[in-house]
Protein backbone atom coordinates (compact mmCIF):
# COMPACT_ATOMS: atom_id res chain seq x y z
CA MET A 1 0.00 0.00 0.00
CA THR A 2 1.29 3.49 -0.89
CA SER A 3 2.79 5.47 1.98
CA ASN A 4 1.49 8.91 2.99
CA PRO A 5 4.48 10.90 1.62
CA GLU A 6 4.21 9.11 -1.74
CA ARG A 7 0.44 9.72 -1.85
CA LYS A 8 0.86 13.44 -1.13
CA LYS A 9 3.61 13.69 -3.76
CA THR A 10 1.34 12.07 -6.38
CA GLU A 11 -1.59 14.33 -5.42
CA GLY A 12 0.68 17.40 -5.62
CA LYS A 13 1.66 16.41 -9.17
CA GLN A 14 -2.02 16.12 -10.07
CA PHE A 15 -2.67 19.62 -8.70
CA ARG A 16 0.30 21.07 -10.60
CA LEU A 17 -0.88 19.37 -13.79
CA VAL A 18 -4.34 20.91 -13.44
CA LYS A 19 -2.88 24.39 -12.77
CA TYR A 20 -0.58 24.02 -15.78
CA PHE A 21 -3.57 23.08 -17.93
CA ALA A 22 -5.47 26.21 -16.82
CA SER A 23 -2.51 28.54 -17.45
CA ALA A 24 -1.72 26.95 -20.80
CA SER A 25 -5.37 27.24 -21.83
CA PHE A 26 -5.37 30.96 -21.02
CA ILE A 27 -2.19 31.57 -23.05
CA VAL A 28 -3.57 29.62 -26.03
CA LEU A 29 -6.87 31.50 -25.88
CA VAL A 30 -5.08 34.88 -25.78
CA LEU A 31 -2.81 33.90 -28.70
CA PHE A 32 -5.82 32.87 -30.78
CA SER A 33 -7.94 35.87 -29.77
CA PHE A 34 -5.30 38.44 -30.75
CA PRO A 35 -5.17 37.60 -34.49
CA PHE A 36 -8.94 37.13 -34.45
CA SER A 37 -9.59 40.63 -33.05
CA LEU A 38 -6.84 42.07 -35.26
CA GLY A 39 -8.46 40.53 -38.34
CA ILE A 40 -11.88 41.95 -37.41
CA SER A 41 -10.51 45.47 -36.88
CA GLN A 42 -8.47 45.33 -40.12
CA LYS A 43 -11.55 44.21 -42.02
CA ALA A 44 -13.44 47.22 -40.63
CA GLU A 45 -10.56 49.49 -41.69
CA GLU A 46 -10.59 48.02 -45.21
CA ILE A 47 -14.33 48.63 -45.49
CA LEU A 48 -13.88 52.26 -44.38
CA LEU A 49 -11.03 52.87 -46.85
CA ARG A 50 -12.98 51.25 -49.69
CA SER A 51 -16.02 53.39 -48.97
CA TYR A 52 -13.91 56.59 -48.96
CA GLU A 53 -12.09 55.50 -52.11
CA ASN A 54 -15.39 54.90 -53.91
CA TYR A 55 -16.53 58.28 -52.61
CA ALA A 56 -13.41 59.96 -54.04
CA LEU A 57 -13.83 58.19 -57.39
CA LEU A 58 -17.40 59.41 -57.57
CA VAL A 59 -16.21 62.97 -56.87
CA GLY A 60 -13.46 62.54 -59.46
CA GLN A 61 -15.94 61.38 -62.11
CA ASN A 62 -18.11 64.41 -61.38
CA LEU A 63 -15.08 66.71 -61.59
CA ASN A 64 -14.03 65.09 -64.85
CA HIS A 65 -17.46 65.61 -66.35
CA GLN A 66 -18.04 69.14 -64.99
CA VAL A 67 -14.57 70.45 -65.85
CA PHE A 68 -14.71 69.02 -69.36
CA GLN A 69 -18.30 70.10 -70.14
CA ASN A 70 -18.48 73.40 -68.26
CA PHE A 71 -14.90 74.58 -68.45
CA ALA A 72 -12.78 72.96 -71.16
CA VAL A 73 -15.30 73.10 -73.99
CA PRO A 74 -16.59 76.68 -73.34
CA VAL A 75 -13.08 78.06 -72.73
CA ILE A 76 -11.66 76.54 -75.92
CA ARG A 77 -14.61 77.90 -77.90
CA ARG A 78 -14.21 81.35 -76.36
CA PHE A 79 -10.47 81.73 -75.92
CA GLY A 80 -9.13 79.10 -78.30
CA ARG A 81 -6.99 77.48 -75.62
CA ILE A 82 -6.92 76.79 -71.90
CA GLN A 83 -4.66 79.11 -69.92
CA LEU A 84 -5.37 78.95 -66.19
CA ARG A 85 -3.05 81.86 -65.56
CA ASP A 86 -5.79 84.00 -67.03
CA GLU A 87 -7.80 85.41 -64.14
CA ASP A 88 -11.17 84.79 -65.84
CA GLN A 89 -10.35 81.16 -66.60
CA GLN A 90 -8.98 80.68 -63.05
CA THR A 91 -12.14 82.14 -61.57
CA LEU A 92 -14.35 79.94 -63.75
CA MET A 93 -12.36 76.81 -62.89
CA ASP A 94 -12.50 77.62 -59.19
CA GLN A 95 -16.24 78.16 -59.37
CA ILE A 96 -16.85 74.87 -61.22
CA VAL A 97 -14.60 72.83 -58.87
CA ARG A 98 -16.05 74.29 -55.67
CA ASN A 99 -19.62 73.86 -56.92
CA THR A 100 -18.84 70.24 -57.78
CA ILE A 101 -17.28 69.35 -54.43
CA HIS A 102 -19.75 71.40 -52.40
CA GLY A 103 -21.44 69.20 -49.82
CA PHE A 104 -18.74 66.55 -50.07
CA ASN A 105 -16.13 66.02 -47.38
CA ILE A 106 -13.19 67.06 -49.59
CA ASP A 107 -10.14 68.63 -47.99
CA LEU A 108 -8.17 69.57 -51.11
CA VAL A 109 -8.39 69.30 -54.91
CA ASN A 110 -5.36 69.73 -57.18
CA ILE A 111 -5.33 69.62 -60.98
CA TYR A 112 -1.97 68.76 -62.51
CA ASP A 113 -0.83 69.91 -65.93
CA ILE A 114 1.04 66.81 -67.02
CA GLY A 115 2.57 68.62 -69.96
CA LYS A 116 4.29 71.32 -67.88
CA GLY A 117 4.58 69.17 -64.75
CA VAL A 118 3.05 71.78 -62.43
CA ILE A 119 -0.12 72.27 -60.42
CA ALA A 120 -2.38 74.16 -62.78
CA TYR A 121 -5.20 74.60 -60.26
CA SER A 122 -5.70 74.00 -56.53
CA THR A 123 -8.33 74.84 -53.96
CA ASP A 124 -5.33 76.07 -52.00
CA PRO A 125 -4.09 79.05 -54.07
CA GLU A 126 -0.59 78.83 -52.57
CA LEU A 127 -0.01 75.50 -54.36
CA ILE A 128 -0.76 76.81 -57.86
CA GLY A 129 2.33 76.71 -60.06
CA LYS A 130 4.33 74.39 -57.83
CA PRO A 131 6.07 71.43 -59.52
CA VAL A 132 4.54 67.98 -59.49
CA LYS A 133 5.72 65.36 -56.98
CA LYS A 134 5.91 62.31 -59.17
CA THR A 135 4.56 59.77 -56.73
CA PRO A 136 3.63 56.20 -57.83
CA GLY A 137 -0.04 57.23 -57.67
CA TYR A 138 0.59 60.22 -59.95
CA GLU A 139 2.51 58.07 -62.45
CA LYS A 140 -0.37 55.58 -62.58
CA ALA A 141 -2.86 58.40 -63.18
CA VAL A 142 -0.72 59.68 -66.08
CA GLN A 143 -0.99 56.17 -67.54
CA GLY A 144 -4.78 56.30 -67.17
CA GLU A 145 -5.10 54.30 -63.90
CA ARG A 146 -6.72 55.63 -60.76
CA SER A 147 -5.23 54.88 -57.34
CA SER A 148 -5.63 55.75 -53.66
CA GLY A 149 -3.32 55.85 -50.68
CA MET A 150 -3.43 56.72 -46.97
CA LEU A 151 -1.64 59.77 -45.62
CA SER A 152 -0.97 59.29 -41.91
CA GLU A 153 0.98 61.23 -39.30
CA ASN A 154 1.30 58.18 -36.99
CA GLU A 155 3.17 54.93 -37.42
CA GLU A 156 1.58 51.55 -36.91
CA LEU A 157 1.88 49.89 -33.50
CA TRP A 158 4.79 47.40 -33.52
CA GLY A 159 4.38 47.04 -37.30
CA MET A 160 1.19 44.98 -36.86
CA ASN A 161 -1.17 47.29 -38.79
CA LEU A 162 -2.58 48.58 -35.49
CA SER A 163 -2.83 52.39 -35.60
CA LEU A 164 -2.61 54.66 -32.59
CA MET A 165 -5.01 57.42 -31.61
CA GLY A 166 -4.24 61.03 -32.60
CA GLY A 167 -2.84 62.64 -35.74
CA GLN A 168 -4.55 63.29 -39.05
CA LYS A 169 -5.62 60.55 -41.44
CA LYS A 170 -6.22 61.51 -45.06
CA LEU A 171 -6.99 59.56 -48.20
CA ARG A 172 -5.29 60.80 -51.39
CA THR A 173 -6.78 59.66 -54.69
CA TYR A 174 -5.29 60.26 -58.14
CA ILE A 175 -7.82 60.28 -61.00
CA PRO A 176 -6.87 60.80 -64.67
CA PHE A 177 -8.59 63.78 -66.31
CA ARG A 178 -9.71 62.51 -69.68
CA GLY A 179 -10.34 64.81 -72.60
CA SER A 180 -11.28 64.09 -76.21
CA HIS A 181 -9.70 64.99 -79.53
CA PRO A 182 -11.77 65.80 -82.63
CA PHE A 183 -9.66 63.50 -84.81
CA ILE A 184 -9.27 60.66 -82.22
CA SER A 185 -12.24 58.53 -81.25
CA THR A 186 -10.84 57.46 -77.87
CA SER A 187 -10.25 59.77 -74.90
CA TYR A 188 -6.76 60.70 -73.75
CA VAL A 189 -5.26 61.79 -70.38
CA ALA A 190 -5.19 65.57 -70.40
CA GLY A 191 -4.33 66.02 -66.75
CA VAL A 192 -4.56 64.50 -63.28
CA PHE A 193 -6.97 65.22 -60.47
CA GLU A 194 -5.65 64.82 -56.93
CA VAL A 195 -8.47 64.58 -54.39
CA ILE A 196 -7.59 64.56 -50.68
CA GLN A 197 -10.27 63.60 -48.13
CA ASP A 198 -9.98 64.16 -44.39
CA MET A 199 -11.02 60.91 -42.68
CA THR A 200 -9.47 61.58 -39.26
CA GLU A 201 -12.70 61.35 -37.28
CA PRO A 202 -14.11 58.13 -38.81
CA TYR A 203 -10.65 56.56 -38.78
CA GLU A 204 -10.28 57.30 -35.08
CA SER A 205 -13.60 55.53 -34.62
CA ILE A 206 -12.08 52.51 -36.35
CA VAL A 207 -8.99 52.72 -34.12
CA ARG A 208 -11.23 52.90 -31.05
CA PHE A 209 -13.12 49.91 -32.43
CA GLN A 210 -9.82 48.05 -32.89
CA PHE A 211 -8.82 48.56 -29.28
CA LEU A 212 -12.37 47.85 -28.10
CA VAL A 213 -12.40 44.52 -29.94
CA PHE A 214 -8.96 43.65 -28.62
CA GLY A 215 -9.86 44.76 -25.09
CA LEU A 216 -13.11 42.80 -25.19
CA SER A 217 -11.25 39.73 -26.45
CA ILE A 218 -8.71 40.00 -23.63
CA GLY A 219 -11.54 40.60 -21.14
CA ILE A 220 -13.46 37.57 -22.37
CA MET A 221 -10.32 35.44 -22.27
CA ALA A 222 -9.58 36.72 -18.76
CA ALA A 223 -13.13 35.83 -17.70
CA ILE A 224 -12.73 32.36 -19.22
CA PHE A 225 -9.39 32.01 -17.42
CA VAL A 226 -10.94 33.06 -14.11
CA ALA A 227 -13.74 30.53 -14.71
CA LEU A 228 -11.13 27.87 -15.51
CA LEU A 229 -9.19 28.85 -12.41
CA LEU A 230 -12.30 28.55 -10.24
CA ILE A 231 -13.05 25.17 -11.81
CA VAL A 232 -9.46 24.10 -11.18
CA ARG A 233 -9.59 25.23 -7.57
CA LYS A 234 -12.90 23.44 -7.13
CA ALA A 235 -11.36 20.34 -8.71
CA GLU A 236 -8.34 20.68 -6.41
CA LYS A 237 -10.64 20.88 -3.40
CA ILE A 238 -12.63 17.85 -4.57
CA ILE A 239 -9.44 15.87 -5.23
CA GLU A 240 -7.98 16.96 -1.89
CA ASP A 241 -11.20 16.06 -0.03
CA ARG A 242 -11.32 12.68 -1.73
CA ALA A 243 -7.65 12.08 -0.97
CA ARG A 244 -8.24 13.07 2.66
CA GLU A 245 -11.30 10.80 2.82
CA ARG A 246 -9.32 7.96 1.28
CA ARG A 247 -6.53 8.41 3.82
CA LYS A 248 -9.12 8.49 6.58
CA LEU A 249 -10.72 5.28 5.30
CA GLU A 250 -7.31 3.64 5.00
CA ASP A 251 -6.46 4.66 8.56
CA GLN A 252 -9.82 3.30 9.73
CA LEU A 253 -9.17 0.07 7.85
CA HIS A 254 -5.76 -0.27 9.47
CA GLN A 255 -7.29 0.48 12.85
CA ALA A 256 -10.02 -2.10 12.23
CA GLU A 257 -7.42 -4.68 11.22
CA ARG A 258 -5.39 -3.99 14.36
CA LEU A 259 -8.49 -4.11 16.55
CA ALA A 260 -9.63 -7.35 14.92
CA ALA A 261 -6.28 -8.97 15.64
CA LEU A 262 -6.30 -7.53 19.16
CA GLY A 263 -9.86 -8.72 19.69
CA GLU A 264 -8.99 -12.27 18.67
CA MET A 265 -6.05 -12.28 21.04
CA VAL A 266 -8.08 -10.77 23.90
CA ALA A 267 -10.94 -13.22 23.33
CA GLY A 268 -8.57 -16.19 23.44
CA VAL A 269 -6.71 -14.99 26.54
CA SER A 270 -9.92 -13.99 28.35
CA HIS A 271 -11.53 -17.33 27.63
CA GLU A 272 -8.51 -19.17 28.99
CA ILE A 273 -8.46 -16.97 32.12
CA LYS A 274 -12.19 -17.09 32.84
CA ASN A 275 -12.45 -20.81 33.64
CA PRO A 276 -9.58 -20.99 36.18
CA LEU A 277 -10.76 -17.67 37.59
CA GLY A 278 -14.15 -19.20 38.29
CA ILE A 279 -12.46 -22.11 40.07
CA ILE A 280 -10.40 -19.67 42.17
CA GLN A 281 -13.50 -17.70 43.10
CA SER A 282 -15.54 -20.78 44.09
CA THR A 283 -12.57 -22.23 46.00
CA ALA A 284 -12.19 -18.98 47.95
CA GLU A 285 -15.90 -19.11 48.87
CA LEU A 286 -15.55 -22.74 49.93
CA MET A 287 -12.48 -22.04 52.06
CA GLY A 288 -14.15 -19.11 53.78
CA GLY A 289 -17.18 -21.26 54.58
CA LEU A 290 -15.32 -24.20 56.19
CA PRO A 291 -16.45 -24.95 59.78
CA ASN A 292 -12.90 -24.88 61.14
CA ALA A 293 -11.92 -21.70 59.26
CA ASP A 294 -10.52 -19.08 61.57
CA GLU A 295 -10.82 -15.32 61.21
CA ASN A 296 -7.61 -14.91 59.16
CA LEU A 297 -8.65 -17.64 56.72
CA ARG A 298 -12.07 -16.10 56.25
CA ARG A 299 -10.52 -12.64 55.73
CA LEU A 300 -8.02 -13.98 53.17
CA SER A 301 -10.81 -15.92 51.42
CA GLY A 302 -12.83 -12.69 51.22
CA VAL A 303 -9.89 -10.81 49.69
CA ILE A 304 -9.37 -13.58 47.13
CA HIS A 305 -13.09 -13.62 46.31
CA GLU A 306 -13.22 -9.81 45.97
CA GLU A 307 -10.12 -9.54 43.76
CA SER A 308 -11.19 -12.50 41.61
CA SER A 309 -14.60 -10.83 41.16
CA ARG A 310 -12.87 -7.62 40.09
CA LEU A 311 -10.63 -9.58 37.73
CA ASN A 312 -13.69 -11.39 36.40
CA GLY A 313 -15.28 -8.01 35.62
CA ILE A 314 -12.16 -6.96 33.69
CA VAL A 315 -12.13 -10.23 31.75
CA THR A 316 -15.84 -9.79 31.00
CA GLU A 317 -15.09 -6.29 29.62
CA PHE A 318 -12.37 -7.80 27.42
CA LEU A 319 -14.82 -10.37 26.09
CA ASP A 320 -17.49 -7.71 25.52
CA PHE A 321 -14.96 -5.69 23.54
CA ALA A 322 -13.76 -8.68 21.52
CA ARG A 323 -17.08 -10.35 20.66
CA PRO A 324 -19.33 -8.84 17.94
CA GLN A 325 -22.13 -6.64 19.35
CA THR A 326 -25.05 -7.70 17.15
CA PRO A 327 -28.23 -5.94 18.36
CA ASN A 328 -31.53 -7.78 18.67
CA PHE A 329 -33.87 -5.01 17.47
CA ARG A 330 -37.30 -4.78 19.03
CA PRO A 331 -39.67 -1.97 20.14
CA THR A 332 -38.01 -0.24 23.10
CA SER A 333 -38.50 2.80 25.29
CA LEU A 334 -35.47 4.92 26.08
CA THR A 335 -37.27 6.16 29.19
CA ASP A 336 -37.47 2.60 30.58
CA ILE A 337 -33.79 1.91 29.86
CA LEU A 338 -32.54 5.13 31.48
CA GLN A 339 -34.88 4.73 34.49
CA ARG A 340 -33.45 1.22 35.07
CA ASN A 341 -29.94 2.69 34.94
CA LEU A 342 -30.83 5.37 37.51
CA THR A 343 -32.53 2.81 39.78
CA PHE A 344 -29.45 0.57 39.70
CA LEU A 345 -27.12 3.52 40.42
CA GLN A 346 -29.35 5.12 43.07
CA PRO A 347 -27.23 3.95 46.04
CA GLU A 348 -24.08 5.39 44.47
CA ILE A 349 -25.92 8.61 43.55
CA GLU A 350 -27.07 9.06 47.13
CA LYS A 351 -23.64 8.16 48.48
CA ARG A 352 -21.98 10.88 46.38
CA ALA A 353 -24.86 13.35 46.98
CA VAL A 354 -25.17 13.92 43.22
CA ARG A 355 -28.27 15.73 41.99
CA VAL A 356 -29.81 14.10 38.89
CA THR A 357 -32.27 15.97 36.65
CA HIS A 358 -34.00 14.65 33.53
CA ASN A 359 -36.99 15.11 31.21
CA LEU A 360 -38.11 11.46 31.19
CA ASP A 361 -41.30 11.74 33.25
CA GLY A 362 -44.43 10.99 31.25
CA ARG A 363 -42.62 10.38 27.96
CA SER A 364 -41.53 7.12 26.32
CA PHE A 365 -39.18 8.12 23.48
CA ASN A 366 -39.81 4.92 21.51
CA LEU A 367 -37.50 3.32 18.95
CA LYS A 368 -36.34 -0.07 17.73
CA ALA A 369 -33.22 -1.17 19.59
CA ASP A 370 -31.61 -3.84 21.74
CA PRO A 371 -32.55 -2.75 25.30
CA ASP A 372 -29.88 -4.90 26.94
CA LEU A 373 -27.03 -3.43 24.86
CA LEU A 374 -28.31 0.14 25.30
CA TYR A 375 -28.67 -0.48 29.06
CA ARG A 376 -25.00 -1.45 29.25
CA ALA A 377 -23.95 1.52 27.09
CA PHE A 378 -25.85 4.15 29.14
CA LEU A 379 -24.77 2.47 32.39
CA ASN A 380 -21.13 2.83 31.35
CA ILE A 381 -21.62 6.53 30.51
CA LEU A 382 -23.48 7.27 33.75
CA ILE A 383 -20.82 5.49 35.84
CA ASN A 384 -18.14 7.63 34.15
CA SER A 385 -20.22 10.74 34.93
CA LEU A 386 -20.55 9.76 38.59
CA GLN A 387 -16.84 9.00 38.91
CA ALA A 388 -15.99 12.41 37.40
CA GLN A 389 -18.11 14.21 40.06
CA LYS A 390 -17.01 15.71 43.27
CA ASP A 391 -19.43 15.12 46.13
CA GLY A 392 -22.51 17.22 45.62
CA GLY A 393 -22.21 17.38 41.82
CA ALA A 394 -24.97 17.26 39.21
CA ILE A 395 -25.97 15.16 36.20
CA ASP A 396 -28.56 16.25 33.64
CA ILE A 397 -30.18 13.81 31.20
CA ARG A 398 -32.09 15.26 28.24
CA VAL A 399 -33.79 13.24 25.51
CA THR A 400 -35.13 14.94 22.37
CA GLU A 401 -36.48 13.50 19.17
CA ASP A 402 -36.93 14.45 15.53
CA ARG A 403 -38.67 12.66 12.72
CA ASP A 404 -35.99 9.98 12.29
CA ALA A 405 -34.04 9.69 15.52
CA GLN A 406 -33.81 10.06 19.30
CA HIS A 407 -31.07 12.26 20.78
CA VAL A 408 -29.70 11.64 24.29
CA GLU A 409 -27.53 14.24 26.06
CA ILE A 410 -25.90 13.36 29.39
CA THR A 411 -24.10 16.30 31.03
CA ASP A 412 -22.10 16.13 34.26
CA ARG A 413 -20.66 19.03 36.23
CA GLY A 414 -17.40 17.23 36.91
CA VAL A 415 -13.74 17.93 36.31
CA GLY A 416 -14.04 17.81 32.54
CA ILE A 417 -11.64 16.22 30.07
CA PRO A 418 -8.42 17.83 28.75
CA GLU A 419 -8.50 18.68 25.06
CA GLU A 420 -5.57 16.39 24.25
CA SER A 421 -7.46 13.44 25.78
CA LEU A 422 -10.75 14.07 23.93
CA LYS A 423 -9.35 12.69 20.66
CA LYS A 424 -8.25 9.44 22.34
CA LEU A 425 -11.32 8.65 24.45
CA PHE A 426 -12.65 5.97 22.11
CA ASN A 427 -9.26 4.32 21.61
CA PRO A 428 -9.12 0.86 23.20
CA PHE A 429 -7.18 0.72 26.48
CA PHE A 430 -6.95 4.51 26.78
CA THR A 431 -8.01 5.70 30.22
CA THR A 432 -7.50 8.68 32.52
CA LYS A 433 -8.38 6.66 35.62
CA GLU A 434 -5.96 4.96 37.95
CA GLN A 435 -7.97 1.76 37.72
CA GLY A 436 -9.77 0.66 34.58
CA THR A 437 -9.21 -1.12 31.31
CA GLY A 438 -9.95 1.81 29.01
CA LEU A 439 -12.44 -0.32 27.08
CA GLY A 440 -15.70 1.17 28.40
CA LEU A 441 -16.18 3.93 25.81
CA SER A 442 -14.91 1.68 23.01
CA ILE A 443 -17.66 -0.80 23.89
CA VAL A 444 -20.21 2.04 24.08
CA ARG A 445 -19.26 3.25 20.61
CA LYS A 446 -19.52 -0.28 19.20
CA ILE A 447 -23.01 -0.61 20.65
CA VAL A 448 -24.13 2.79 19.35
CA GLU A 449 -22.67 2.19 15.88
CA GLY A 450 -24.32 -1.24 15.88
CA HIS A 451 -27.61 0.69 16.20
CA LYS A 452 -26.60 2.84 13.12
CA GLY A 453 -26.09 5.83 15.43
CA TRP A 454 -23.20 8.03 16.49
CA ILE A 455 -21.70 9.36 19.73
CA THR A 456 -19.72 12.54 20.41
CA ILE A 457 -18.23 13.99 23.59
CA HIS A 458 -17.76 17.71 24.31
CA SER A 459 -15.97 18.98 27.39
CA GLU A 460 -15.06 22.22 29.11
CA PRO A 461 -12.18 21.45 31.46
CA MET A 462 -13.00 21.95 35.15
CA GLU A 463 -16.64 22.74 34.27
CA LYS A 464 -18.63 20.05 32.48
CA THR A 465 -18.67 17.17 30.01
CA THR A 466 -21.53 16.38 27.63
CA VAL A 467 -22.04 13.05 25.86
CA VAL A 468 -24.39 13.23 22.84
CA ILE A 469 -25.82 10.04 21.32
CA ARG A 470 -28.03 9.87 18.24
CA LEU A 471 -30.06 6.69 17.69
CA PRO A 472 -32.25 6.17 14.60
CA LYS A 473 -35.84 5.14 15.34
CA GLU A 474 -35.73 2.49 12.60
CA PRO A 475 -32.04 1.42 12.47
CA GLU A 476 -32.73 -1.63 10.29
CA SER A 477 -33.92 0.52 7.36
CA TRP A 478 -31.94 3.71 8.07
CA THR A 479 -28.94 4.73 5.97
CA PRO A 480 -26.76 7.79 6.62
CA SER A 481 -27.56 10.77 4.37
């Protein structure tokens, strides 16, 4: 059978394994939740950018149409050529552009003259005439392709496409300005529109959404981890309780095995002693009763008879402890049993001037039990209570009942029992008396447990001791809950 240190070591490994499982589960959940929340937030960012890009393309198409129809054609008819340095043409272009973008969230519009490589028109007058920055988006627009790109003042967090709060976010879109030639059926790129949209506010909403999703994911994972931790702790407690119960049962089994072996030995020795002891006792009586016996012989015979009787009582206790206590259940009254005990002990009660109180008058407290075994059990307890009293003490007997059981409390106002002795009271051969076998309470517990009941003892040193016994009314059909 496994020793206690080995058992505790194995149980400790089980606990560590469960804790490791909980911690590993939390780490795995966090690792999986991070890319999940990152993917959701990036998808939201892509949707926002696509919507703004489509918005810019729509504005660009309107600009293309309005500038060509309302500016390019009339100006060429009137002036013969487009020359935005002319104040009238500049004013007309500005009016057309601003009317077109009115009501749209457009931050800046630039029109590039790809022939001269300068900004021919801008909603910001200070940019007019400045040279073109030939970005990849501009080069694509010159080739007839539209493109968009983000302008940001902040860098991404740790290079993971997670943006930080603050700073401006703008979307720049390059759109080719297509004109037509009277001798060419297809359109050609006459210039480039640059449309810049301010999307700082909606983008910050996306960033807040990113961190909200990530924070919620971490919060949910933390809640799951806490739940796992509580489950683990509950499992630890269950495992620990079961391990403790198993150790207790093993200790009880070992104790039962030791007591069984001890009982067999005691039964054999007691049986061998009892017969010659009876011969010694009867011989002592015979010697004391001889006609020619003198005073010394009769006195010695009396001593032998008295000591052999005392030894016979001890041997009888040994046999009672060793033999199985199988109750013979029948309808019984606790009142009758306890009254018989008090009647038998009345001389000793009067001798010690002990005051006895009880609640037995007029009540039966019925149950199924073995009256003879219960008589011996209560007699043993009452004798202990009397022996613990100083002259003029008190004993109180209270019987109460509930639906399933009778409860007997016997309290004496004696010297009490030290706390270190309380745990050993039911151990065989443990006694605090100068004379005694230490088997009395062991026999009492065997009788009570044979009736499917239990017994406990509470004591306040130098004040009182209370013995509580619970006896089921129907022990044959009763099972502990």
